[in-house]
Amino acid sequence: MAITLTDDEAGRQILGIFVRYRVPAGGTLRRTHFFDVRDGDFQRGLDNATARKWVAVHHRDRYRYILTEEGYAAGRSAEELAHQELLKTDA
């Protein structure tokens, strides 16, 4: 059975997809980019990411998601933390 993610973890997973594709602030991704995210986690993650103002849903296309400035900053800080952890394990 799959491990259930918390709402926070699901939101960070959504943000991680934007980081993976190196989307700039104001950039968009379509729903098809999120196939790595389980359907059950996707909506909870999207709700969490929009509540944190990391991501906005396009006003005309509900399958297009926009990375906000706050989301870009949060993604960059998470990426830097992961990089620092990687450097610690190499030392």
PDB file of N, CA and C in Angstrom:
ATOM      1  N   MET A   1       0.839  -1.178   0.000  1.00  0.00           N
ATOM      2  CA  MET A   1       0.000   0.000   0.000  1.00  0.00           C
ATOM      3  C   MET A   1       0.884   1.242   0.000  1.00  0.00           C
ATOM      4  N   ALA A   2       0.490   2.251  -0.737  1.00  0.00           N
ATOM      5  CA  ALA A   2       1.265   3.477  -0.855  1.00  0.00           C
ATOM      6  C   ALA A   2       1.217   4.274   0.447  1.00  0.00           C
ATOM      7  N   ILE A   3       2.300   4.972   0.718  1.00  0.00           N
ATOM      8  CA  ILE A   3       2.372   5.812   1.901  1.00  0.00           C
ATOM      9  C   ILE A   3       1.581   7.089   1.634  1.00  0.00           C
ATOM     10  N   THR A   4       0.729   7.461   2.570  1.00  0.00           N
ATOM     11  CA  THR A   4      -0.070   8.668   2.422  1.00  0.00           C
ATOM     12  C   THR A   4       0.755   9.874   2.848  1.00  0.00           C
ATOM     13  N   LEU A   5       0.789  10.882   1.997  1.00  0.00           N
ATOM     14  CA  LEU A   5       1.514  12.109   2.303  1.00  0.00           C
ATOM     15  C   LEU A   5       0.625  13.058   3.095  1.00  0.00           C
ATOM     16  N   THR A   6       1.257  13.862   3.938  1.00  0.00           N
ATOM     17  CA  THR A   6       0.505  14.926   4.603  1.00  0.00           C
ATOM     18  C   THR A   6       0.217  16.020   3.578  1.00  0.00           C
ATOM     19  N   ASP A   7      -0.662  16.936   3.927  1.00  0.00           N
ATOM     20  CA  ASP A   7      -0.975  18.044   3.017  1.00  0.00           C
ATOM     21  C   ASP A   7       0.275  18.874   2.720  1.00  0.00           C
ATOM     22  N   ASP A   8       1.102  19.088   3.751  1.00  0.00           N
ATOM     23  CA  ASP A   8       2.326  19.864   3.569  1.00  0.00           C
ATOM     24  C   ASP A   8       3.285  19.151   2.612  1.00  0.00           C
ATOM     25  N   GLU A   9       3.457  17.851   2.795  1.00  0.00           N
ATOM     26  CA  GLU A   9       4.336  17.084   1.905  1.00  0.00           C
ATOM     27  C   GLU A   9       3.806  17.072   0.477  1.00  0.00           C
ATOM     28  N   ALA A  10       2.500  16.976   0.322  1.00  0.00           N
ATOM     29  CA  ALA A  10       1.904  16.992  -1.016  1.00  0.00           C
ATOM     30  C   ALA A  10       2.105  18.353  -1.676  1.00  0.00           C
ATOM     31  N   GLY A  11       1.989  19.428  -0.903  1.00  0.00           N
ATOM     32  CA  GLY A  11       2.235  20.770  -1.433  1.00  0.00           C
ATOM     33  C   GLY A  11       3.678  20.948  -1.859  1.00  0.00           C
ATOM     34  N   ARG A  12       4.597  20.407  -1.055  1.00  0.00           N
ATOM     35  CA  ARG A  12       6.014  20.491  -1.412  1.00  0.00           C
ATOM     36  C   ARG A  12       6.330  19.634  -2.638  1.00  0.00           C
ATOM     37  N   GLN A  13       5.593  18.555  -2.818  1.00  0.00           N
ATOM     38  CA  GLN A  13       5.778  17.727  -4.006  1.00  0.00           C
ATOM     39  C   GLN A  13       5.359  18.507  -5.260  1.00  0.00           C
ATOM     40  N   ILE A  14       4.267  19.250  -5.173  1.00  0.00           N
ATOM     41  CA  ILE A  14       3.834  20.101  -6.289  1.00  0.00           C
ATOM     42  C   ILE A  14       4.910  21.143  -6.580  1.00  0.00           C
ATOM     43  N   LEU A  15       5.425  21.779  -5.537  1.00  0.00           N
ATOM     44  CA  LEU A  15       6.479  22.777  -5.704  1.00  0.00           C
ATOM     45  C   LEU A  15       7.732  22.144  -6.302  1.00  0.00           C
ATOM     46  N   GLY A  16       8.022  20.908  -5.906  1.00  0.00           N
ATOM     47  CA  GLY A  16       9.187  20.208  -6.430  1.00  0.00           C
ATOM     48  C   GLY A  16       9.129  19.969  -7.929  1.00  0.00           C
ATOM     49  N   ILE A  17       7.936  19.799  -8.468  1.00  0.00           N
ATOM     50  CA  ILE A  17       7.796  19.632  -9.920  1.00  0.00           C
ATOM     51  C   ILE A  17       8.206  20.922 -10.624  1.00  0.00           C
ATOM     52  N   PHE A  18       7.803  22.069 -10.085  1.00  0.00           N
ATOM     53  CA  PHE A  18       8.220  23.346 -10.667  1.00  0.00           C
ATOM     54  C   PHE A  18       9.739  23.499 -10.599  1.00  0.00           C
ATOM     55  N   VAL A  19      10.348  23.081  -9.490  1.00  0.00           N
ATOM     56  CA  VAL A  19      11.800  23.163  -9.342  1.00  0.00           C
ATOM     57  C   VAL A  19      12.480  22.241 -10.348  1.00  0.00           C
ATOM     58  N   ARG A  20      11.953  21.028 -10.514  1.00  0.00           N
ATOM     59  CA  ARG A  20      12.543  20.063 -11.439  1.00  0.00           C
ATOM     60  C   ARG A  20      12.598  20.609 -12.868  1.00  0.00           C
ATOM     61  N   TYR A  21      11.531  21.279 -13.278  1.00  0.00           N
ATOM     62  CA  TYR A  21      11.477  21.835 -14.632  1.00  0.00           C
ATOM     63  C   TYR A  21      12.094  23.234 -14.715  1.00  0.00           C
ATOM     64  N   ARG A  22      12.656  23.715 -13.605  1.00  0.00           N
ATOM     65  CA  ARG A  22      13.320  25.020 -13.538  1.00  0.00           C
ATOM     66  C   ARG A  22      12.430  26.149 -14.071  1.00  0.00           C
ATOM     67  N   VAL A  23      11.221  26.180 -13.570  1.00  0.00           N
ATOM     68  CA  VAL A  23      10.245  27.183 -13.987  1.00  0.00           C
ATOM     69  C   VAL A  23      10.541  28.495 -13.260  1.00  0.00           C
ATOM     70  N   PRO A  24      10.643  29.611 -13.987  1.00  0.00           N
ATOM     71  CA  PRO A  24      10.863  30.905 -13.323  1.00  0.00           C
ATOM     72  C   PRO A  24       9.572  31.409 -12.679  1.00  0.00           C
ATOM     73  N   ALA A  25       9.700  32.411 -11.823  1.00  0.00           N
ATOM     74  CA  ALA A  25       8.514  33.024 -11.212  1.00  0.00           C
ATOM     75  C   ALA A  25       7.626  33.581 -12.317  1.00  0.00           C
ATOM     76  N   GLY A  26       6.351  33.287 -12.240  1.00  0.00           N
ATOM     77  CA  GLY A  26       5.413  33.705 -13.273  1.00  0.00           C
ATOM     78  C   GLY A  26       5.277  32.690 -14.397  1.00  0.00           C
ATOM     79  N   GLY A  27       6.112  31.649 -14.373  1.00  0.00           N
ATOM     80  CA  GLY A  27       6.051  30.606 -15.393  1.00  0.00           C
ATOM     81  C   GLY A  27       4.918  29.634 -15.119  1.00  0.00           C
ATOM     82  N   THR A  28       4.538  28.880 -16.145  1.00  0.00           N
ATOM     83  CA  THR A  28       3.404  27.965 -16.010  1.00  0.00           C
ATOM     84  C   THR A  28       3.786  26.535 -16.360  1.00  0.00           C
ATOM     85  N   LEU A  29       3.033  25.616 -15.787  1.00  0.00           N
ATOM     86  CA  LEU A  29       3.090  24.202 -16.154  1.00  0.00           C
ATOM     87  C   LEU A  29       1.660  23.720 -16.353  1.00  0.00           C
ATOM     88  N   ARG A  30       1.499  22.740 -17.224  1.00  0.00           N
ATOM     89  CA  ARG A  30       0.187  22.139 -17.463  1.00  0.00           C
ATOM     90  C   ARG A  30       0.031  20.911 -16.570  1.00  0.00           C
ATOM     91  N   ARG A  31      -1.167  20.419 -16.455  1.00  0.00           N
ATOM     92  CA  ARG A  31      -1.479  19.265 -15.604  1.00  0.00           C
ATOM     93  C   ARG A  31      -0.655  18.048 -15.996  1.00  0.00           C
ATOM     94  N   THR A  32      -0.333  17.913 -17.269  1.00  0.00           N
ATOM     95  CA  THR A  32       0.409  16.739 -17.731  1.00  0.00           C
ATOM     96  C   THR A  32       1.811  16.659 -17.140  1.00  0.00           C
ATOM     97  N   HIS A  33       2.362  17.768 -16.658  1.00  0.00           N
ATOM     98  CA  HIS A  33       3.687  17.751 -16.045  1.00  0.00           C
ATOM     99  C   HIS A  33       3.687  17.087 -14.668  1.00  0.00           C
ATOM    100  N   PHE A  34       2.511  16.882 -14.095  1.00  0.00           N
ATOM    101  CA  PHE A  34       2.397  16.396 -12.726  1.00  0.00           C
ATOM    102  C   PHE A  34       2.009  14.922 -12.643  1.00  0.00           C
ATOM    103  N   PHE A  35       2.285  14.144 -13.680  1.00  0.00           N
ATOM    104  CA  PHE A  35       1.896  12.738 -13.665  1.00  0.00           C
ATOM    105  C   PHE A  35       2.669  11.922 -12.630  1.00  0.00           C
ATOM    106  N   ASP A  36       3.797  12.434 -12.132  1.00  0.00           N
ATOM    107  CA  ASP A  36       4.529  11.735 -11.073  1.00  0.00           C
ATOM    108  C   ASP A  36       3.797  11.804  -9.735  1.00  0.00           C
ATOM    109  N   VAL A  37       2.887  12.749  -9.604  1.00  0.00           N
ATOM    110  CA  VAL A  37       2.140  12.937  -8.359  1.00  0.00           C
ATOM    111  C   VAL A  37       0.874  12.091  -8.422  1.00  0.00           C
ATOM    112  N   ARG A  38       0.644  11.283  -7.391  1.00  0.00           N
ATOM    113  CA  ARG A  38      -0.587  10.479  -7.346  1.00  0.00           C
ATOM    114  C   ARG A  38      -1.806  11.387  -7.400  1.00  0.00           C
ATOM    115  N   ASP A  39      -2.864  10.917  -8.048  1.00  0.00           N
ATOM    116  CA  ASP A  39      -4.082  11.720  -8.171  1.00  0.00           C
ATOM    117  C   ASP A  39      -4.640  12.122  -6.810  1.00  0.00           C
ATOM    118  N   GLY A  40      -4.583  11.215  -5.852  1.00  0.00           N
ATOM    119  CA  GLY A  40      -5.099  11.513  -4.521  1.00  0.00           C
ATOM    120  C   GLY A  40      -4.309  12.596  -3.814  1.00  0.00           C
ATOM    121  N   ASP A  41      -3.012  12.676  -4.100  1.00  0.00           N
ATOM    122  CA  ASP A  41      -2.161  13.691  -3.484  1.00  0.00           C
ATOM    123  C   ASP A  41      -2.166  14.991  -4.275  1.00  0.00           C
ATOM    124  N   PHE A  42      -2.475  14.909  -5.562  1.00  0.00           N
ATOM    125  CA  PHE A  42      -2.372  16.092  -6.414  1.00  0.00           C
ATOM    126  C   PHE A  42      -3.301  17.210  -5.951  1.00  0.00           C
ATOM    127  N   GLN A  43      -4.569  16.918  -5.760  1.00  0.00           N
ATOM    128  CA  GLN A  43      -5.511  17.979  -5.395  1.00  0.00           C
ATOM    129  C   GLN A  43      -5.202  18.538  -4.014  1.00  0.00           C
ATOM    130  N   ARG A  44      -4.858  17.669  -3.075  1.00  0.00           N
ATOM    131  CA  ARG A  44      -4.490  18.159  -1.736  1.00  0.00           C
ATOM    132  C   ARG A  44      -3.234  19.013  -1.808  1.00  0.00           C
ATOM    133  N   GLY A  45      -2.260  18.574  -2.601  1.00  0.00           N
ATOM    134  CA  GLY A  45      -1.025  19.339  -2.756  1.00  0.00           C
ATOM    135  C   GLY A  45      -1.255  20.672  -3.432  1.00  0.00           C
ATOM    136  N   LEU A  46      -2.091  20.664  -4.456  1.00  0.00           N
ATOM    137  CA  LEU A  46      -2.401  21.912  -5.154  1.00  0.00           C
ATOM    138  C   LEU A  46      -3.139  22.874  -4.228  1.00  0.00           C
ATOM    139  N   ASP A  47      -4.074  22.354  -3.445  1.00  0.00           N
ATOM    140  CA  ASP A  47      -4.792  23.198  -2.479  1.00  0.00           C
ATOM    141  C   ASP A  47      -3.830  23.791  -1.456  1.00  0.00           C
ATOM    142  N   ASN A  48      -2.882  22.986  -0.975  1.00  0.00           N
ATOM    143  CA  ASN A  48      -1.910  23.460   0.000  1.00  0.00           C
ATOM    144  C   ASN A  48      -0.986  24.504  -0.619  1.00  0.00           C
ATOM    145  N   ALA A  49      -0.523  24.254  -1.838  1.00  0.00           N
ATOM    146  CA  ALA A  49       0.384  25.187  -2.512  1.00  0.00           C
ATOM    147  C   ALA A  49      -0.313  26.509  -2.831  1.00  0.00           C
ATOM    148  N   THR A  50      -1.589  26.469  -3.183  1.00  0.00           N
ATOM    149  CA  THR A  50      -2.311  27.719  -3.441  1.00  0.00           C
ATOM    150  C   THR A  50      -2.611  28.455  -2.136  1.00  0.00           C
ATOM    151  N   ALA A  51      -2.870  27.721  -1.060  1.00  0.00           N
ATOM    152  CA  ALA A  51      -3.103  28.362   0.240  1.00  0.00           C
ATOM    153  C   ALA A  51      -1.840  29.062   0.732  1.00  0.00           C
ATOM    154  N   ARG A  52      -0.681  28.498   0.431  1.00  0.00           N
ATOM    155  CA  ARG A  52       0.594  29.111   0.819  1.00  0.00           C
ATOM    156  C   ARG A  52       1.049  30.171  -0.179  1.00  0.00           C
ATOM    157  N   LYS A  53       0.259  30.359  -1.242  1.00  0.00           N
ATOM    158  CA  LYS A  53       0.546  31.318  -2.306  1.00  0.00           C
ATOM    159  C   LYS A  53       1.824  30.974  -3.067  1.00  0.00           C
ATOM    160  N   TRP A  54       2.130  29.680  -3.165  1.00  0.00           N
ATOM    161  CA  TRP A  54       3.254  29.220  -3.974  1.00  0.00           C
ATOM    162  C   TRP A  54       2.844  29.091  -5.429  1.00  0.00           C
ATOM    163  N   VAL A  55       1.601  28.698  -5.648  1.00  0.00           N
ATOM    164  CA  VAL A  55       1.090  28.402  -6.984  1.00  0.00           C
ATOM    165  C   VAL A  55      -0.279  29.055  -7.120  1.00  0.00           C
ATOM    166  N   ALA A  56      -0.574  29.514  -8.327  1.00  0.00           N
ATOM    167  CA  ALA A  56      -1.909  30.036  -8.635  1.00  0.00           C
ATOM    168  C   ALA A  56      -2.464  29.249  -9.812  1.00  0.00           C
ATOM    169  N   VAL A  57      -3.763  29.055  -9.814  1.00  0.00           N
ATOM    170  CA  VAL A  57      -4.427  28.388 -10.930  1.00  0.00           C
ATOM    171  C   VAL A  57      -4.790  29.464 -11.948  1.00  0.00           C
ATOM    172  N   HIS A  58      -4.488  29.207 -13.212  1.00  0.00           N
ATOM    173  CA  HIS A  58      -4.797  30.173 -14.269  1.00  0.00           C
ATOM    174  C   HIS A  58      -6.293  30.472 -14.266  1.00  0.00           C
ATOM    175  N   HIS A  59      -6.664  31.726 -14.443  1.00  0.00           N
ATOM    176  CA  HIS A  59      -8.074  32.116 -14.318  1.00  0.00           C
ATOM    177  C   HIS A  59      -8.956  31.610 -15.454  1.00  0.00           C
ATOM    178  N   ARG A  60      -8.395  31.227 -16.595  1.00  0.00           N
ATOM    179  CA  ARG A  60      -9.209  30.715 -17.701  1.00  0.00           C
ATOM    180  C   ARG A  60      -9.014  29.229 -17.972  1.00  0.00           C
ATOM    181  N   ASP A  61      -7.904  28.684 -17.502  1.00  0.00           N
ATOM    182  CA  ASP A  61      -7.580  27.283 -17.785  1.00  0.00           C
ATOM    183  C   ASP A  61      -7.242  26.588 -16.470  1.00  0.00           C
ATOM    184  N   ARG A  62      -8.153  25.781 -15.967  1.00  0.00           N
ATOM    185  CA  ARG A  62      -7.946  25.161 -14.653  1.00  0.00           C
ATOM    186  C   ARG A  62      -6.864  24.097 -14.660  1.00  0.00           C
ATOM    187  N   TYR A  63      -6.343  23.745 -15.818  1.00  0.00           N
ATOM    188  CA  TYR A  63      -5.269  22.760 -15.914  1.00  0.00           C
ATOM    189  C   TYR A  63      -3.910  23.415 -16.143  1.00  0.00           C
ATOM    190  N   ARG A  64      -3.818  24.718 -15.944  1.00  0.00           N
ATOM    191  CA  ARG A  64      -2.559  25.444 -16.071  1.00  0.00           C
ATOM    192  C   ARG A  64      -2.258  26.097 -14.727  1.00  0.00           C
ATOM    193  N   TYR A  65      -1.042  25.908 -14.232  1.00  0.00           N
ATOM    194  CA  TYR A  65      -0.675  26.372 -12.902  1.00  0.00           C
ATOM    195  C   TYR A  65       0.511  27.316 -13.011  1.00  0.00           C
ATOM    196  N   ILE A  66       0.461  28.416 -12.267  1.00  0.00           N
ATOM    197  CA  ILE A  66       1.442  29.484 -12.347  1.00  0.00           C
ATOM    198  C   ILE A  66       2.260  29.504 -11.059  1.00  0.00           C
ATOM    199  N   LEU A  67       3.580  29.518 -11.197  1.00  0.00           N
ATOM    200  CA  LEU A  67       4.470  29.619 -10.043  1.00  0.00           C
ATOM    201  C   LEU A  67       4.573  31.081  -9.631  1.00  0.00           C
ATOM    202  N   THR A  68       4.292  31.387  -8.376  1.00  0.00           N
ATOM    203  CA  THR A  68       4.346  32.765  -7.882  1.00  0.00           C
ATOM    204  C   THR A  68       5.757  33.091  -7.396  1.00  0.00           C
ATOM    205  N   GLU A  69       5.974  34.365  -7.063  1.00  0.00           N
ATOM    206  CA  GLU A  69       7.263  34.794  -6.504  1.00  0.00           C
ATOM    207  C   GLU A  69       7.553  34.052  -5.198  1.00  0.00           C
ATOM    208  N   GLU A  70       6.520  33.903  -4.350  1.00  0.00           N
ATOM    209  CA  GLU A  70       6.692  33.190  -3.078  1.00  0.00           C
ATOM    210  C   GLU A  70       7.057  31.731  -3.318  1.00  0.00           C
ATOM    211  N   GLY A  71       6.419  31.129  -4.306  1.00  0.00           N
ATOM    212  CA  GLY A  71       6.718  29.743  -4.646  1.00  0.00           C
ATOM    213  C   GLY A  71       8.122  29.581  -5.190  1.00  0.00           C
ATOM    214  N   TYR A  72       8.543  30.535  -6.003  1.00  0.00           N
ATOM    215  CA  TYR A  72       9.899  30.490  -6.555  1.00  0.00           C
ATOM    216  C   TYR A  72      10.928  30.582  -5.431  1.00  0.00           C
ATOM    217  N   ALA A  73      10.698  31.502  -4.493  1.00  0.00           N
ATOM    218  CA  ALA A  73      11.615  31.662  -3.363  1.00  0.00           C
ATOM    219  C   ALA A  73      11.631  30.407  -2.491  1.00  0.00           C
ATOM    220  N   ALA A  74      10.466  29.824  -2.233  1.00  0.00           N
ATOM    221  CA  ALA A  74      10.395  28.606  -1.422  1.00  0.00           C
ATOM    222  C   ALA A  74      11.075  27.442  -2.136  1.00  0.00           C
ATOM    223  N   GLY A  75      10.906  27.354  -3.429  1.00  0.00           N
ATOM    224  CA  GLY A  75      11.548  26.291  -4.205  1.00  0.00           C
ATOM    225  C   GLY A  75      13.054  26.434  -4.218  1.00  0.00           C
ATOM    226  N   ARG A  76      13.535  27.667  -4.351  1.00  0.00           N
ATOM    227  CA  ARG A  76      14.980  27.910  -4.346  1.00  0.00           C
ATOM    228  C   ARG A  76      15.588  27.561  -2.990  1.00  0.00           C
ATOM    229  N   SER A  77      14.916  27.938  -1.906  1.00  0.00           N
ATOM    230  CA  SER A  77      15.459  27.637  -0.580  1.00  0.00           C
ATOM    231  C   SER A  77      15.464  26.133  -0.328  1.00  0.00           C
ATOM    232  N   ALA A  78      14.437  25.430  -0.781  1.00  0.00           N
ATOM    233  CA  ALA A  78      14.405  23.972  -0.623  1.00  0.00           C
ATOM    234  C   ALA A  78      15.503  23.316  -1.449  1.00  0.00           C
ATOM    235  N   GLU A  79      15.746  23.850  -2.637  1.00  0.00           N
ATOM    236  CA  GLU A  79      16.794  23.308  -3.499  1.00  0.00           C
ATOM    237  C   GLU A  79      18.174  23.531  -2.876  1.00  0.00           C
ATOM    238  N   GLU A  80      18.389  24.704  -2.276  1.00  0.00           N
ATOM    239  CA  GLU A  80      19.663  24.996  -1.626  1.00  0.00           C
ATOM    240  C   GLU A  80      19.882  24.098  -0.410  1.00  0.00           C
ATOM    241  N   LEU A  81      18.827  23.851   0.375  1.00  0.00           N
ATOM    242  CA  LEU A  81      18.949  22.958   1.532  1.00  0.00           C
ATOM    243  C   LEU A  81      19.309  21.544   1.095  1.00  0.00           C
ATOM    244  N   ALA A  82      18.684  21.074   0.034  1.00  0.00           N
ATOM    245  CA  ALA A  82      18.989  19.736  -0.476  1.00  0.00           C
ATOM    246  C   ALA A  82      20.429  19.665  -0.964  1.00  0.00           C
ATOM    247  N   HIS A  83      20.896  20.734  -1.591  1.00  0.00           N
ATOM    248  CA  HIS A  83      22.278  20.770  -2.084  1.00  0.00           C
ATOM    249  C   HIS A  83      23.265  20.757  -0.914  1.00  0.00           C
ATOM    250  N   GLN A  84      22.969  21.507   0.151  1.00  0.00           N
ATOM    251  CA  GLN A  84      23.836  21.526   1.324  1.00  0.00           C
ATOM    252  C   GLN A  84      23.874  20.164   2.004  1.00  0.00           C
ATOM    253  N   GLU A  85      22.739  19.485   2.080  1.00  0.00           N
ATOM    254  CA  GLU A  85      22.698  18.142   2.660  1.00  0.00           C
ATOM    255  C   GLU A  85      23.541  17.173   1.834  1.00  0.00           C
ATOM    256  N   LEU A  86      23.487  17.323   0.528  1.00  0.00           N
ATOM    257  CA  LEU A  86      24.279  16.475  -0.356  1.00  0.00           C
ATOM    258  C   LEU A  86      25.766  16.712  -0.134  1.00  0.00           C
ATOM    259  N   LEU A  87      26.158  17.963   0.047  1.00  0.00           N
ATOM    260  CA  LEU A  87      27.561  18.282   0.295  1.00  0.00           C
ATOM    261  C   LEU A  87      28.024  17.717   1.635  1.00  0.00           C
ATOM    262  N   LYS A  88      27.152  17.712   2.642  1.00  0.00           N
ATOM    263  CA  LYS A  88      27.507  17.165   3.951  1.00  0.00           C
ATOM    264  C   LYS A  88      27.762  15.662   3.868  1.00  0.00           C
ATOM    265  N   THR A  89      26.977  14.966   3.070  1.00  0.00           N
ATOM    266  CA  THR A  89      27.148  13.517   2.968  1.00  0.00           C
ATOM    267  C   THR A  89      28.403  13.157   2.185  1.00  0.00           C
ATOM    268  N   ASP A  90      28.841  14.040   1.288  1.00  0.00           N
ATOM    269  CA  ASP A  90      30.053  13.779   0.512  1.00  0.00           C
ATOM    270  C   ASP A  90      31.307  14.005   1.339  1.00  0.00           C
ATOM    271  N   ALA A  91      31.238  14.856   2.367  1.00  0.00           N
ATOM    272  CA  ALA A  91      32.423  15.199   3.159  1.00  0.00           C
ATOM    273  C   ALA A  91      32.784  14.131   4.156  1.00  0.00           C
TER     274      ALA A  91
END
